[in-house]
Structures are given as C-alpha cells and as structure tokens.
Amino acid sequence: MRKKRQGQTSTSLTHQPANIQLANKRYLILTYNAEFDRIYYPLSLPYCGKPDPVVLMQQIRQLKAENRLLKSRVIISFYFVFVL
C-alpha cells in the first residue's frame, strides 16, 4: 500500500528493497462496511520467518476442526432457542 501510494510502478516493486526489515512487513487489513462507509484498519503483523508448509497445514486442519465445532454449537443453540 505504501509503495502504491508513493506512485511507484509495478516494475519497481519487483526489485529488492534496500531495507530488508521494510520488505518483511505484513499487515492484516480489517474492513468495516457500514451502509454508506467503508473503513480499512491495517493491523501490523510481526514477521515470523519463512513459513513451514507442514506447520501451516497442521494449523489449517486445527482451524477447520475448530470451525466445525463452533458451527455445530451455533446450530445446537439455534435449535434450542426455537424448540423451547
């Protein structure tokens, strides 16, 4: 986002930057949509080194299992609200 704002072209984006610390910056951009507004909240993330594919796949499996569990809780609580 910073490079785009400064007007650099896409060809200059492929070159290695002088400051390696700036190149490793990562952001999670949280977007809030209201009726007539859209607000972006860039949240900086710490650099944790190169990702290990095995660890990432394990984390994805864990998050999917957690997601299934939470969805089942929502369905069960939704069922009890309307049955009782």
PDB file of N, CA and C in Angstrom:
ATOM      1  N   MET A   1       0.824  -1.185   0.000  1.00  0.00           N
ATOM      2  CA  MET A   1       0.000   0.000   0.000  1.00  0.00           C
ATOM      3  C   MET A   1       0.871   1.253   0.000  1.00  0.00           C
ATOM      4  N   ARG A   2       1.952   1.201   0.779  1.00  0.00           N
ATOM      5  CA  ARG A   2       2.825   2.358   0.874  1.00  0.00           C
ATOM      6  C   ARG A   2       3.443   2.663  -0.477  1.00  0.00           C
ATOM      7  N   LYS A   3       3.918   1.636  -1.191  1.00  0.00           N
ATOM      8  CA  LYS A   3       4.561   1.849  -2.488  1.00  0.00           C
ATOM      9  C   LYS A   3       3.562   2.333  -3.524  1.00  0.00           C
ATOM     10  N   LYS A   4       2.349   1.814  -3.466  1.00  0.00           N
ATOM     11  CA  LYS A   4       1.326   2.254  -4.399  1.00  0.00           C
ATOM     12  C   LYS A   4       0.986   3.721  -4.164  1.00  0.00           C
ATOM     13  N   ARG A   5       0.903   4.111  -2.888  1.00  0.00           N
ATOM     14  CA  ARG A   5       0.581   5.487  -2.534  1.00  0.00           C
ATOM     15  C   ARG A   5       1.688   6.447  -2.990  1.00  0.00           C
ATOM     16  N   GLN A   6       2.940   5.981  -2.968  1.00  0.00           N
ATOM     17  CA  GLN A   6       4.048   6.826  -3.364  1.00  0.00           C
ATOM     18  C   GLN A   6       4.204   6.902  -4.875  1.00  0.00           C
ATOM     19  N   GLY A   7       3.392   6.136  -5.624  1.00  0.00           N
ATOM     20  CA  GLY A   7       3.393   6.228  -7.073  1.00  0.00           C
ATOM     21  C   GLY A   7       4.437   5.386  -7.769  1.00  0.00           C
ATOM     22  N   GLN A   8       4.967   4.373  -7.120  1.00  0.00           N
ATOM     23  CA  GLN A   8       5.933   3.508  -7.773  1.00  0.00           C
ATOM     24  C   GLN A   8       5.201   2.543  -8.678  1.00  0.00           C
ATOM     25  N   THR A   9       5.840   2.197  -9.789  1.00  0.00           N
ATOM     26  CA  THR A   9       5.216   1.286 -10.746  1.00  0.00           C
ATOM     27  C   THR A   9       5.428  -0.146 -10.319  1.00  0.00           C
ATOM     28  N   SER A  10       4.731  -1.064 -10.996  1.00  0.00           N
ATOM     29  CA  SER A  10       4.831  -2.475 -10.633  1.00  0.00           C
ATOM     30  C   SER A  10       6.210  -3.045 -10.960  1.00  0.00           C
ATOM     31  N   THR A  11       6.925  -2.469 -11.936  1.00  0.00           N
ATOM     32  CA  THR A  11       8.260  -2.975 -12.236  1.00  0.00           C
ATOM     33  C   THR A  11       9.242  -2.627 -11.138  1.00  0.00           C
ATOM     34  N   SER A  12       9.059  -1.480 -10.492  1.00  0.00           N
ATOM     35  CA  SER A  12       9.967  -1.121  -9.406  1.00  0.00           C
ATOM     36  C   SER A  12       9.651  -1.901  -8.135  1.00  0.00           C
ATOM     37  N   LEU A  13       8.467  -2.515  -8.063  1.00  0.00           N
ATOM     38  CA  LEU A  13       8.103  -3.290  -6.885  1.00  0.00           C
ATOM     39  C   LEU A  13       8.837  -4.623  -6.829  1.00  0.00           C
ATOM     40  N   THR A  14       9.330  -5.105  -7.981  1.00  0.00           N
ATOM     41  CA  THR A  14       9.975  -6.412  -8.006  1.00  0.00           C
ATOM     42  C   THR A  14      11.423  -6.344  -7.547  1.00  0.00           C
ATOM     43  N   HIS A  15      12.035  -5.171  -7.498  1.00  0.00           N
ATOM     44  CA  HIS A  15      13.416  -5.039  -7.057  1.00  0.00           C
ATOM     45  C   HIS A  15      13.508  -5.212  -5.549  1.00  0.00           C
ATOM     46  N   GLN A  16      14.648  -5.746  -5.086  1.00  0.00           N
ATOM     47  CA  GLN A  16      14.858  -5.923  -3.654  1.00  0.00           C
ATOM     48  C   GLN A  16      15.001  -4.552  -2.995  1.00  0.00           C
ATOM     49  N   PRO A  17      14.255  -4.297  -1.959  1.00  0.00           N
ATOM     50  CA  PRO A  17      14.388  -3.007  -1.276  1.00  0.00           C
ATOM     51  C   PRO A  17      15.684  -2.948  -0.479  1.00  0.00           C
ATOM     52  N   ALA A  18      16.112  -1.736  -0.238  1.00  0.00           N
ATOM     53  CA  ALA A  18      17.361  -1.554   0.498  1.00  0.00           C
ATOM     54  C   ALA A  18      17.214  -1.997   1.951  1.00  0.00           C
ATOM     55  N   ASN A  19      16.089  -1.736   2.523  1.00  0.00           N
ATOM     56  CA  ASN A  19      15.876  -2.097   3.925  1.00  0.00           C
ATOM     57  C   ASN A  19      15.067  -3.385   3.990  1.00  0.00           C
ATOM     58  N   ILE A  20      15.695  -4.477   4.358  1.00  0.00           N
ATOM     59  CA  ILE A  20      15.043  -5.786   4.379  1.00  0.00           C
ATOM     60  C   ILE A  20      13.942  -5.847   5.430  1.00  0.00           C
ATOM     61  N   GLN A  21      14.056  -5.041   6.482  1.00  0.00           N
ATOM     62  CA  GLN A  21      13.039  -5.022   7.525  1.00  0.00           C
ATOM     63  C   GLN A  21      11.719  -4.486   6.981  1.00  0.00           C
ATOM     64  N   LEU A  22      11.772  -3.490   6.113  1.00  0.00           N
ATOM     65  CA  LEU A  22      10.555  -2.963   5.498  1.00  0.00           C
ATOM     66  C   LEU A  22       9.936  -3.983   4.549  1.00  0.00           C
ATOM     67  N   ALA A  23      10.759  -4.787   3.894  1.00  0.00           N
ATOM     68  CA  ALA A  23      10.246  -5.781   2.958  1.00  0.00           C
ATOM     69  C   ALA A  23       9.496  -6.894   3.672  1.00  0.00           C
ATOM     70  N   ASN A  24       9.800  -7.143   4.934  1.00  0.00           N
ATOM     71  CA  ASN A  24       9.165  -8.223   5.672  1.00  0.00           C
ATOM     72  C   ASN A  24       7.953  -7.774   6.468  1.00  0.00           C
ATOM     73  N   LYS A  25       7.512  -6.550   6.286  1.00  0.00           N
ATOM     74  CA  LYS A  25       6.324  -6.059   6.981  1.00  0.00           C
ATOM     75  C   LYS A  25       5.095  -6.749   6.395  1.00  0.00           C
ATOM     76  N   ARG A  26       4.196  -7.192   7.267  1.00  0.00           N
ATOM     77  CA  ARG A  26       2.952  -7.814   6.850  1.00  0.00           C
ATOM     78  C   ARG A  26       1.814  -7.141   7.589  1.00  0.00           C
ATOM     79  N   TYR A  27       0.675  -7.029   6.924  1.00  0.00           N
ATOM     80  CA  TYR A  27      -0.490  -6.387   7.511  1.00  0.00           C
ATOM     81  C   TYR A  27      -1.732  -7.238   7.288  1.00  0.00           C
ATOM     82  N   LEU A  28      -2.590  -7.236   8.278  1.00  0.00           N
ATOM     83  CA  LEU A  28      -3.927  -7.795   8.154  1.00  0.00           C
ATOM     84  C   LEU A  28      -4.837  -6.587   8.016  1.00  0.00           C
ATOM     85  N   ILE A  29      -5.571  -6.520   6.926  1.00  0.00           N
ATOM     86  CA  ILE A  29      -6.419  -5.355   6.697  1.00  0.00           C
ATOM     87  C   ILE A  29      -7.853  -5.731   7.036  1.00  0.00           C
ATOM     88  N   LEU A  30      -8.338  -5.141   8.108  1.00  0.00           N
ATOM     89  CA  LEU A  30      -9.694  -5.364   8.577  1.00  0.00           C
ATOM     90  C   LEU A  30     -10.574  -4.315   7.917  1.00  0.00           C
ATOM     91  N   THR A  31     -11.648  -4.761   7.258  1.00  0.00           N
ATOM     92  CA  THR A  31     -12.536  -3.842   6.552  1.00  0.00           C
ATOM     93  C   THR A  31     -13.885  -3.803   7.249  1.00  0.00           C
ATOM     94  N   TYR A  32     -14.316  -2.617   7.589  1.00  0.00           N
ATOM     95  CA  TYR A  32     -15.622  -2.412   8.212  1.00  0.00           C
ATOM     96  C   TYR A  32     -16.537  -1.774   7.183  1.00  0.00           C
ATOM     97  N   ASN A  33     -17.626  -2.461   6.849  1.00  0.00           N
ATOM     98  CA  ASN A  33     -18.598  -1.940   5.897  1.00  0.00           C
ATOM     99  C   ASN A  33     -19.846  -1.502   6.645  1.00  0.00           C
ATOM    100  N   ALA A  34     -20.197  -0.252   6.475  1.00  0.00           N
ATOM    101  CA  ALA A  34     -21.452   0.268   7.010  1.00  0.00           C
ATOM    102  C   ALA A  34     -22.333   0.599   5.812  1.00  0.00           C
ATOM    103  N   GLU A  35     -23.453   1.210   6.064  1.00  0.00           N
ATOM    104  CA  GLU A  35     -24.387   1.472   4.966  1.00  0.00           C
ATOM    105  C   GLU A  35     -23.765   2.341   3.870  1.00  0.00           C
ATOM    106  N   PHE A  36     -23.096   3.405   4.255  1.00  0.00           N
ATOM    107  CA  PHE A  36     -22.506   4.299   3.262  1.00  0.00           C
ATOM    108  C   PHE A  36     -21.002   4.467   3.433  1.00  0.00           C
ATOM    109  N   ASP A  37     -20.403   3.731   4.324  1.00  0.00           N
ATOM    110  CA  ASP A  37     -18.973   3.879   4.609  1.00  0.00           C
ATOM    111  C   ASP A  37     -18.247   2.555   4.427  1.00  0.00           C
ATOM    112  N   ARG A  38     -16.989   2.659   4.128  1.00  0.00           N
ATOM    113  CA  ARG A  38     -16.083   1.512   4.142  1.00  0.00           C
ATOM    114  C   ARG A  38     -14.785   2.008   4.775  1.00  0.00           C
ATOM    115  N   ILE A  39     -14.426   1.401   5.906  1.00  0.00           N
ATOM    116  CA  ILE A  39     -13.258   1.839   6.655  1.00  0.00           C
ATOM    117  C   ILE A  39     -12.274   0.687   6.721  1.00  0.00           C
ATOM    118  N   TYR A  40     -11.001   0.988   6.447  1.00  0.00           N
ATOM    119  CA  TYR A  40      -9.949  -0.017   6.480  1.00  0.00           C
ATOM    120  C   TYR A  40      -9.076   0.203   7.711  1.00  0.00           C
ATOM    121  N   TYR A  41      -8.813  -0.875   8.418  1.00  0.00           N
ATOM    122  CA  TYR A  41      -7.940  -0.835   9.577  1.00  0.00           C
ATOM    123  C   TYR A  41      -6.752  -1.753   9.318  1.00  0.00           C
ATOM    124  N   PRO A  42      -5.612  -1.220   8.876  1.00  0.00           N
ATOM    125  CA  PRO A  42      -4.441  -2.079   8.691  1.00  0.00           C
ATOM    126  C   PRO A  42      -3.798  -2.403  10.038  1.00  0.00           C
ATOM    127  N   LEU A  43      -3.700  -3.676  10.342  1.00  0.00           N
ATOM    128  CA  LEU A  43      -3.109  -4.132  11.600  1.00  0.00           C
ATOM    129  C   LEU A  43      -1.769  -4.770  11.278  1.00  0.00           C
ATOM    130  N   SER A  44      -0.694  -4.245  11.829  1.00  0.00           N
ATOM    131  CA  SER A  44       0.625  -4.783  11.526  1.00  0.00           C
ATOM    132  C   SER A  44       0.815  -6.133  12.202  1.00  0.00           C
ATOM    133  N   LEU A  45       1.449  -7.039  11.490  1.00  0.00           N
ATOM    134  CA  LEU A  45       1.719  -8.384  11.988  1.00  0.00           C
ATOM    135  C   LEU A  45       3.222  -8.559  12.143  1.00  0.00           C
ATOM    136  N   PRO A  46       3.656  -9.244  13.166  1.00  0.00           N
ATOM    137  CA  PRO A  46       5.103  -9.465  13.327  1.00  0.00           C
ATOM    138  C   PRO A  46       5.612 -10.473  12.306  1.00  0.00           C
ATOM    139  N   TYR A  47       6.838 -10.284  11.848  1.00  0.00           N
ATOM    140  CA  TYR A  47       7.444 -11.215  10.911  1.00  0.00           C
ATOM    141  C   TYR A  47       7.936 -12.426  11.687  1.00  0.00           C
ATOM    142  N   CYS A  48       7.542 -13.601  11.260  1.00  0.00           N
ATOM    143  CA  CYS A  48       7.880 -14.833  11.975  1.00  0.00           C
ATOM    144  C   CYS A  48       8.797 -15.736  11.166  1.00  0.00           C
ATOM    145  N   GLY A  49       9.470 -15.202  10.190  1.00  0.00           N
ATOM    146  CA  GLY A  49      10.358 -16.017   9.367  1.00  0.00           C
ATOM    147  C   GLY A  49       9.616 -16.692   8.236  1.00  0.00           C
ATOM    148  N   LYS A  50      10.334 -17.499   7.465  1.00  0.00           N
ATOM    149  CA  LYS A  50       9.710 -18.202   6.353  1.00  0.00           C
ATOM    150  C   LYS A  50       8.757 -19.261   6.896  1.00  0.00           C
ATOM    151  N   PRO A  51       7.581 -19.397   6.271  1.00  0.00           N
ATOM    152  CA  PRO A  51       6.605 -20.360   6.769  1.00  0.00           C
ATOM    153  C   PRO A  51       7.009 -21.798   6.457  1.00  0.00           C
ATOM    154  N   ASP A  52       6.740 -22.694   7.388  1.00  0.00           N
ATOM    155  CA  ASP A  52       6.980 -24.114   7.208  1.00  0.00           C
ATOM    156  C   ASP A  52       5.673 -24.740   6.722  1.00  0.00           C
ATOM    157  N   PRO A  53       5.648 -25.340   5.531  1.00  0.00           N
ATOM    158  CA  PRO A  53       4.399 -25.882   4.987  1.00  0.00           C
ATOM    159  C   PRO A  53       3.739 -26.931   5.890  1.00  0.00           C
ATOM    160  N   VAL A  54       4.528 -27.739   6.576  1.00  0.00           N
ATOM    161  CA  VAL A  54       3.966 -28.761   7.461  1.00  0.00           C
ATOM    162  C   VAL A  54       3.229 -28.115   8.625  1.00  0.00           C
ATOM    163  N   VAL A  55       3.834 -27.102   9.210  1.00  0.00           N
ATOM    164  CA  VAL A  55       3.208 -26.396  10.332  1.00  0.00           C
ATOM    165  C   VAL A  55       1.950 -25.673   9.856  1.00  0.00           C
ATOM    166  N   LEU A  56       2.003 -25.063   8.684  1.00  0.00           N
ATOM    167  CA  LEU A  56       0.837 -24.349   8.161  1.00  0.00           C
ATOM    168  C   LEU A  56      -0.324 -25.305   7.891  1.00  0.00           C
ATOM    169  N   MET A  57      -0.045 -26.471   7.323  1.00  0.00           N
ATOM    170  CA  MET A  57      -1.109 -27.447   7.059  1.00  0.00           C
ATOM    171  C   MET A  57      -1.722 -27.945   8.371  1.00  0.00           C
ATOM    172  N   GLN A  58      -0.895 -28.148   9.385  1.00  0.00           N
ATOM    173  CA  GLN A  58      -1.388 -28.573  10.693  1.00  0.00           C
ATOM    174  C   GLN A  58      -2.284 -27.494  11.290  1.00  0.00           C
ATOM    175  N   GLN A  59      -1.876 -26.257  11.157  1.00  0.00           N
ATOM    176  CA  GLN A  59      -2.674 -25.156  11.690  1.00  0.00           C
ATOM    177  C   GLN A  59      -3.998 -25.025  10.929  1.00  0.00           C
ATOM    178  N   ILE A  60      -3.985 -25.238   9.621  1.00  0.00           N
ATOM    179  CA  ILE A  60      -5.212 -25.177   8.820  1.00  0.00           C
ATOM    180  C   ILE A  60      -6.175 -26.270   9.259  1.00  0.00           C
ATOM    181  N   ARG A  61      -5.651 -27.487   9.481  1.00  0.00           N
ATOM    182  CA  ARG A  61      -6.501 -28.591   9.951  1.00  0.00           C
ATOM    183  C   ARG A  61      -7.114 -28.260  11.315  1.00  0.00           C
ATOM    184  N   GLN A  62      -6.319 -27.690  12.203  1.00  0.00           N
ATOM    185  CA  GLN A  62      -6.801 -27.332  13.532  1.00  0.00           C
ATOM    186  C   GLN A  62      -7.892 -26.264  13.443  1.00  0.00           C
ATOM    187  N   LEU A  63      -7.703 -25.264  12.601  1.00  0.00           N
ATOM    188  CA  LEU A  63      -8.698 -24.202  12.458  1.00  0.00           C
ATOM    189  C   LEU A  63      -9.991 -24.720  11.827  1.00  0.00           C
ATOM    190  N   LYS A  64      -9.874 -25.647  10.867  1.00  0.00           N
ATOM    191  CA  LYS A  64     -11.075 -26.235  10.266  1.00  0.00           C
ATOM    192  C   LYS A  64     -11.860 -27.034  11.290  1.00  0.00           C
ATOM    193  N   ALA A  65     -11.152 -27.790  12.133  1.00  0.00           N
ATOM    194  CA  ALA A  65     -11.833 -28.559  13.178  1.00  0.00           C
ATOM    195  C   ALA A  65     -12.524 -27.626  14.171  1.00  0.00           C
ATOM    196  N   GLU A  66     -11.851 -26.556  14.546  1.00  0.00           N
ATOM    197  CA  GLU A  66     -12.445 -25.583  15.459  1.00  0.00           C
ATOM    198  C   GLU A  66     -13.665 -24.918  14.828  1.00  0.00           C
ATOM    199  N   ASN A  67     -13.582 -24.629  13.544  1.00  0.00           N
ATOM    200  CA  ASN A  67     -14.689 -24.022  12.822  1.00  0.00           C
ATOM    201  C   ASN A  67     -15.902 -24.955  12.804  1.00  0.00           C
ATOM    202  N   ARG A  68     -15.680 -26.259  12.556  1.00  0.00           N
ATOM    203  CA  ARG A  68     -16.773 -27.230  12.584  1.00  0.00           C
ATOM    204  C   ARG A  68     -17.415 -27.294  13.967  1.00  0.00           C
ATOM    205  N   LEU A  69     -16.596 -27.297  15.004  1.00  0.00           N
ATOM    206  CA  LEU A  69     -17.105 -27.342  16.370  1.00  0.00           C
ATOM    207  C   LEU A  69     -17.972 -26.125  16.679  1.00  0.00           C
ATOM    208  N   LEU A  70     -17.484 -24.953  16.322  1.00  0.00           N
ATOM    209  CA  LEU A  70     -18.241 -23.728  16.597  1.00  0.00           C
ATOM    210  C   LEU A  70     -19.534 -23.672  15.795  1.00  0.00           C
ATOM    211  N   LYS A  71     -19.501 -24.147  14.552  1.00  0.00           N
ATOM    212  CA  LYS A  71     -20.726 -24.178  13.751  1.00  0.00           C
ATOM    213  C   LYS A  71     -21.748 -25.119  14.368  1.00  0.00           C
ATOM    214  N   SER A  72     -21.288 -26.254  14.877  1.00  0.00           N
ATOM    215  CA  SER A  72     -22.225 -27.193  15.493  1.00  0.00           C
ATOM    216  C   SER A  72     -22.824 -26.597  16.765  1.00  0.00           C
ATOM    217  N   ARG A  73     -22.057 -25.833  17.510  1.00  0.00           N
ATOM    218  CA  ARG A  73     -22.589 -25.171  18.712  1.00  0.00           C
ATOM    219  C   ARG A  73     -23.649 -24.148  18.355  1.00  0.00           C
ATOM    220  N   VAL A  74     -23.438 -23.418  17.264  1.00  0.00           N
ATOM    221  CA  VAL A  74     -24.407 -22.413  16.832  1.00  0.00           C
ATOM    222  C   VAL A  74     -25.702 -23.096  16.416  1.00  0.00           C
ATOM    223  N   ILE A  75     -25.598 -24.189  15.684  1.00  0.00           N
ATOM    224  CA  ILE A  75     -26.796 -24.909  15.229  1.00  0.00           C
ATOM    225  C   ILE A  75     -27.552 -25.468  16.427  1.00  0.00           C
ATOM    226  N   ILE A  76     -26.837 -26.043  17.382  1.00  0.00           N
ATOM    227  CA  ILE A  76     -27.496 -26.609  18.561  1.00  0.00           C
ATOM    228  C   ILE A  76     -28.174 -25.514  19.379  1.00  0.00           C
ATOM    229  N   SER A  77     -27.493 -24.398  19.604  1.00  0.00           N
ATOM    230  CA  SER A  77     -28.107 -23.316  20.384  1.00  0.00           C
ATOM    231  C   SER A  77     -29.280 -22.704  19.627  1.00  0.00           C
ATOM    232  N   PHE A  78     -29.190 -22.619  18.309  1.00  0.00           N
ATOM    233  CA  PHE A  78     -30.284 -22.102  17.496  1.00  0.00           C
ATOM    234  C   PHE A  78     -31.492 -23.029  17.610  1.00  0.00           C
ATOM    235  N   TYR A  79     -31.234 -24.338  17.606  1.00  0.00           N
ATOM    236  CA  TYR A  79     -32.308 -25.316  17.723  1.00  0.00           C
ATOM    237  C   TYR A  79     -33.016 -25.189  19.071  1.00  0.00           C
ATOM    238  N   PHE A  80     -32.251 -25.065  20.153  1.00  0.00           N
ATOM    239  CA  PHE A  80     -32.842 -24.968  21.482  1.00  0.00           C
ATOM    240  C   PHE A  80     -33.639 -23.673  21.666  1.00  0.00           C
ATOM    241  N   VAL A  81     -33.231 -22.618  21.042  1.00  0.00           N
ATOM    242  CA  VAL A  81     -33.951 -21.346  21.173  1.00  0.00           C
ATOM    243  C   VAL A  81     -35.337 -21.469  20.564  1.00  0.00           C
ATOM    244  N   PHE A  82     -35.450 -22.121  19.417  1.00  0.00           N
ATOM    245  CA  PHE A  82     -36.727 -22.200  18.753  1.00  0.00           C
ATOM    246  C   PHE A  82     -37.593 -23.377  19.205  1.00  0.00           C
ATOM    247  N   VAL A  83     -36.997 -24.397  19.790  1.00  0.00           N
ATOM    248  CA  VAL A  83     -37.772 -25.530  20.280  1.00  0.00           C
ATOM    249  C   VAL A  83     -38.362 -25.225  21.652  1.00  0.00           C
ATOM    250  N   LEU A  84     -37.572 -24.568  22.483  1.00  0.00           N
ATOM    251  CA  LEU A  84     -38.034 -24.264  23.845  1.00  0.00           C
ATOM    252  C   LEU A  84     -38.853 -23.025  23.781  1.00  0.00           C
TER     253      LEU A  84
END
